Amino acid sequence: MAPDGTLYFTDLANEALKKRAPDGTITTVVQYPGLHWADAPALAGGFIWLPVPQLDRLPLFHKGTSKVAWPIRVCTENLVRVDDVTDSAKLAG
């Protein structure tokens, strides 16, 4: 959760990162197939980090055969817009 109360979460069915603003509004931050089964978002330094482990593609779910697309990825999205920043301290964030 961001300091302002924004909650970031992944939408597994739609391969998307979404956010819930403190007022309850839900919007899509980014959506693309590379976010297949993204999990455990983490905020750091104005970025959100998204590991993409593809847990649903493990052998456990496919009769012992892995469907994982290698390499495993960690995606990032810059959450700081340049026009929102008035000093460098906010970038360090």
C-alpha atoms as a PDB file:
ATOM      1  CA  MET A   1       0.000   0.000   0.000  1.00  0.00           C
ATOM      2  CA  ALA A   2       1.286   3.461  -0.896  1.00  0.00           C
ATOM      3  CA  PRO A   3       1.677   6.161   1.780  1.00  0.00           C
ATOM      4  CA  ASP A   4      -1.421   7.960   0.445  1.00  0.00           C
ATOM      5  CA  GLY A   5      -3.565   4.850   1.019  1.00  0.00           C
ATOM      6  CA  THR A   6      -3.600   3.648  -2.596  1.00  0.00           C
ATOM      7  CA  LEU A   7      -3.701  -0.141  -2.764  1.00  0.00           C
ATOM      8  CA  TYR A   8      -1.987  -1.777  -5.742  1.00  0.00           C
ATOM      9  CA  PHE A   9      -3.050  -5.292  -6.696  1.00  0.00           C
ATOM     10  CA  THR A  10      -2.827  -7.697  -9.599  1.00  0.00           C
ATOM     11  CA  ASP A  11      -5.810  -8.837 -11.633  1.00  0.00           C
ATOM     12  CA  LEU A  12      -4.763 -12.360 -12.595  1.00  0.00           C
ATOM     13  CA  ALA A  13      -7.622 -12.989 -15.022  1.00  0.00           C
ATOM     14  CA  ASN A  14      -6.840  -9.851 -17.041  1.00  0.00           C
ATOM     15  CA  GLU A  15      -3.019  -9.858 -16.706  1.00  0.00           C
ATOM     16  CA  ALA A  16      -3.141  -6.379 -15.207  1.00  0.00           C
ATOM     17  CA  LEU A  17      -1.919  -4.196 -12.371  1.00  0.00           C
ATOM     18  CA  LYS A  18      -4.708  -2.162 -10.815  1.00  0.00           C
ATOM     19  CA  LYS A  19      -5.002   0.359  -8.040  1.00  0.00           C
ATOM     20  CA  ARG A  20      -7.716   1.210  -5.565  1.00  0.00           C
ATOM     21  CA  ALA A  21      -7.610   4.861  -4.554  1.00  0.00           C
ATOM     22  CA  PRO A  22      -8.531   5.905  -1.005  1.00  0.00           C
ATOM     23  CA  ASP A  23     -11.959   7.004  -2.325  1.00  0.00           C
ATOM     24  CA  GLY A  24     -12.611   3.437  -3.606  1.00  0.00           C
ATOM     25  CA  THR A  25     -12.069   4.143  -7.298  1.00  0.00           C
ATOM     26  CA  ILE A  26     -10.400   1.220  -9.100  1.00  0.00           C
ATOM     27  CA  THR A  27      -8.335   1.893 -12.233  1.00  0.00           C
ATOM     28  CA  THR A  28      -5.958  -0.127 -14.409  1.00  0.00           C
ATOM     29  CA  VAL A  29      -2.321   1.004 -14.185  1.00  0.00           C
ATOM     30  CA  VAL A  30      -0.971  -1.360 -16.835  1.00  0.00           C
ATOM     31  CA  GLN A  31      -2.238  -4.435 -18.671  1.00  0.00           C
ATOM     32  CA  TYR A  32      -0.310  -6.780 -20.963  1.00  0.00           C
ATOM     33  CA  PRO A  33       0.316 -10.530 -21.439  1.00  0.00           C
ATOM     34  CA  GLY A  34       3.768 -10.295 -19.806  1.00  0.00           C
ATOM     35  CA  LEU A  35       1.986  -9.938 -16.456  1.00  0.00           C
ATOM     36  CA  HIS A  36       0.699 -13.512 -16.601  1.00  0.00           C
ATOM     37  CA  TRP A  37      -0.027 -14.484 -13.001  1.00  0.00           C
ATOM     38  CA  ALA A  38       1.980 -11.581 -11.532  1.00  0.00           C
ATOM     39  CA  ASP A  39       2.132 -11.858  -7.752  1.00  0.00           C
ATOM     40  CA  ALA A  40       3.260  -9.993  -4.629  1.00  0.00           C
ATOM     41  CA  PRO A  41       3.604  -6.370  -5.836  1.00  0.00           C
ATOM     42  CA  ALA A  42       6.146  -4.309  -3.883  1.00  0.00           C
ATOM     43  CA  LEU A  43       6.591  -0.511  -3.799  1.00  0.00           C
ATOM     44  CA  ALA A  44      10.061   1.053  -3.693  1.00  0.00           C
ATOM     45  CA  GLY A  45      11.487   4.382  -4.842  1.00  0.00           C
ATOM     46  CA  GLY A  46       8.538   5.432  -6.972  1.00  0.00           C
ATOM     47  CA  PHE A  47       8.346   2.070  -8.739  1.00  0.00           C
ATOM     48  CA  ILE A  48       6.198  -0.986  -8.265  1.00  0.00           C
ATOM     49  CA  TRP A  49       7.953  -4.331  -8.684  1.00  0.00           C
ATOM     50  CA  LEU A  50       5.966  -7.329  -9.885  1.00  0.00           C
ATOM     51  CA  PRO A  51       7.399 -10.846  -9.856  1.00  0.00           C
ATOM     52  CA  VAL A  52       5.795 -13.010 -12.542  1.00  0.00           C
ATOM     53  CA  PRO A  53       6.268 -16.597 -11.276  1.00  0.00           C
ATOM     54  CA  GLN A  54       3.496 -18.167 -13.423  1.00  0.00           C
ATOM     55  CA  LEU A  55       2.370 -20.382 -10.566  1.00  0.00           C
ATOM     56  CA  ASP A  56      -0.557 -21.689 -12.594  1.00  0.00           C
ATOM     57  CA  ARG A  57       1.903 -23.165 -15.112  1.00  0.00           C
ATOM     58  CA  LEU A  58       3.760 -25.364 -12.601  1.00  0.00           C
ATOM     59  CA  PRO A  59       3.858 -29.150 -13.159  1.00  0.00           C
ATOM     60  CA  LEU A  60       1.478 -29.633 -10.234  1.00  0.00           C
ATOM     61  CA  PHE A  61      -1.329 -28.193 -12.364  1.00  0.00           C
ATOM     62  CA  HIS A  62      -0.408 -29.920 -15.657  1.00  0.00           C
ATOM     63  CA  LYS A  63      -0.027 -33.623 -14.873  1.00  0.00           C
ATOM     64  CA  GLY A  64       3.673 -33.266 -14.082  1.00  0.00           C
ATOM     65  CA  THR A  65       4.636 -31.165 -17.113  1.00  0.00           C
ATOM     66  CA  SER A  66       5.875 -27.613 -16.621  1.00  0.00           C
ATOM     67  CA  LYS A  67       4.266 -24.954 -18.801  1.00  0.00           C
ATOM     68  CA  VAL A  68       6.422 -22.140 -17.340  1.00  0.00           C
ATOM     69  CA  ALA A  69       7.757 -19.711 -19.961  1.00  0.00           C
ATOM     70  CA  TRP A  70      11.400 -19.044 -19.076  1.00  0.00           C
ATOM     71  CA  PRO A  71      13.005 -16.831 -17.986  1.00  0.00           C
ATOM     72  CA  ILE A  72      10.945 -15.909 -14.954  1.00  0.00           C
ATOM     73  CA  ARG A  73      10.480 -12.128 -14.982  1.00  0.00           C
ATOM     74  CA  VAL A  74      10.292  -9.261 -12.557  1.00  0.00           C
ATOM     75  CA  CYS A  75       8.469  -6.303 -14.102  1.00  0.00           C
ATOM     76  CA  THR A  76       8.554  -2.703 -12.932  1.00  0.00           C
ATOM     77  CA  GLU A  77       6.282   0.238 -13.507  1.00  0.00           C
ATOM     78  CA  ASN A  78       7.229   3.832 -12.716  1.00  0.00           C
ATOM     79  CA  LEU A  79       4.537   5.250 -10.455  1.00  0.00           C
ATOM     80  CA  VAL A  80       6.005   8.777 -10.262  1.00  0.00           C
ATOM     81  CA  ARG A  81       4.909  11.138 -13.020  1.00  0.00           C
ATOM     82  CA  VAL A  82       7.362  13.895 -13.848  1.00  0.00           C
ATOM     83  CA  ASP A  83       4.703  16.616 -13.560  1.00  0.00           C
ATOM     84  CA  ASP A  84       3.840  15.387 -10.033  1.00  0.00           C
ATOM     85  CA  VAL A  85       7.365  15.922  -8.765  1.00  0.00           C
ATOM     86  CA  THR A  86       8.354  19.331  -7.449  1.00  0.00           C
ATOM     87  CA  ASP A  87      11.658  18.379  -5.856  1.00  0.00           C
ATOM     88  CA  SER A  88      14.157  15.530  -5.979  1.00  0.00           C
ATOM     89  CA  ALA A  89      13.228  14.335  -2.476  1.00  0.00           C
ATOM     90  CA  LYS A  90       9.867  13.119  -3.783  1.00  0.00           C
ATOM     91  CA  LEU A  91      11.624  10.951  -6.387  1.00  0.00           C
ATOM     92  CA  ALA A  92      13.540   9.155  -3.656  1.00  0.00           C
ATOM     93  CA  GLY A  93      10.288   8.412  -2.077  1.00  0.00           C
END
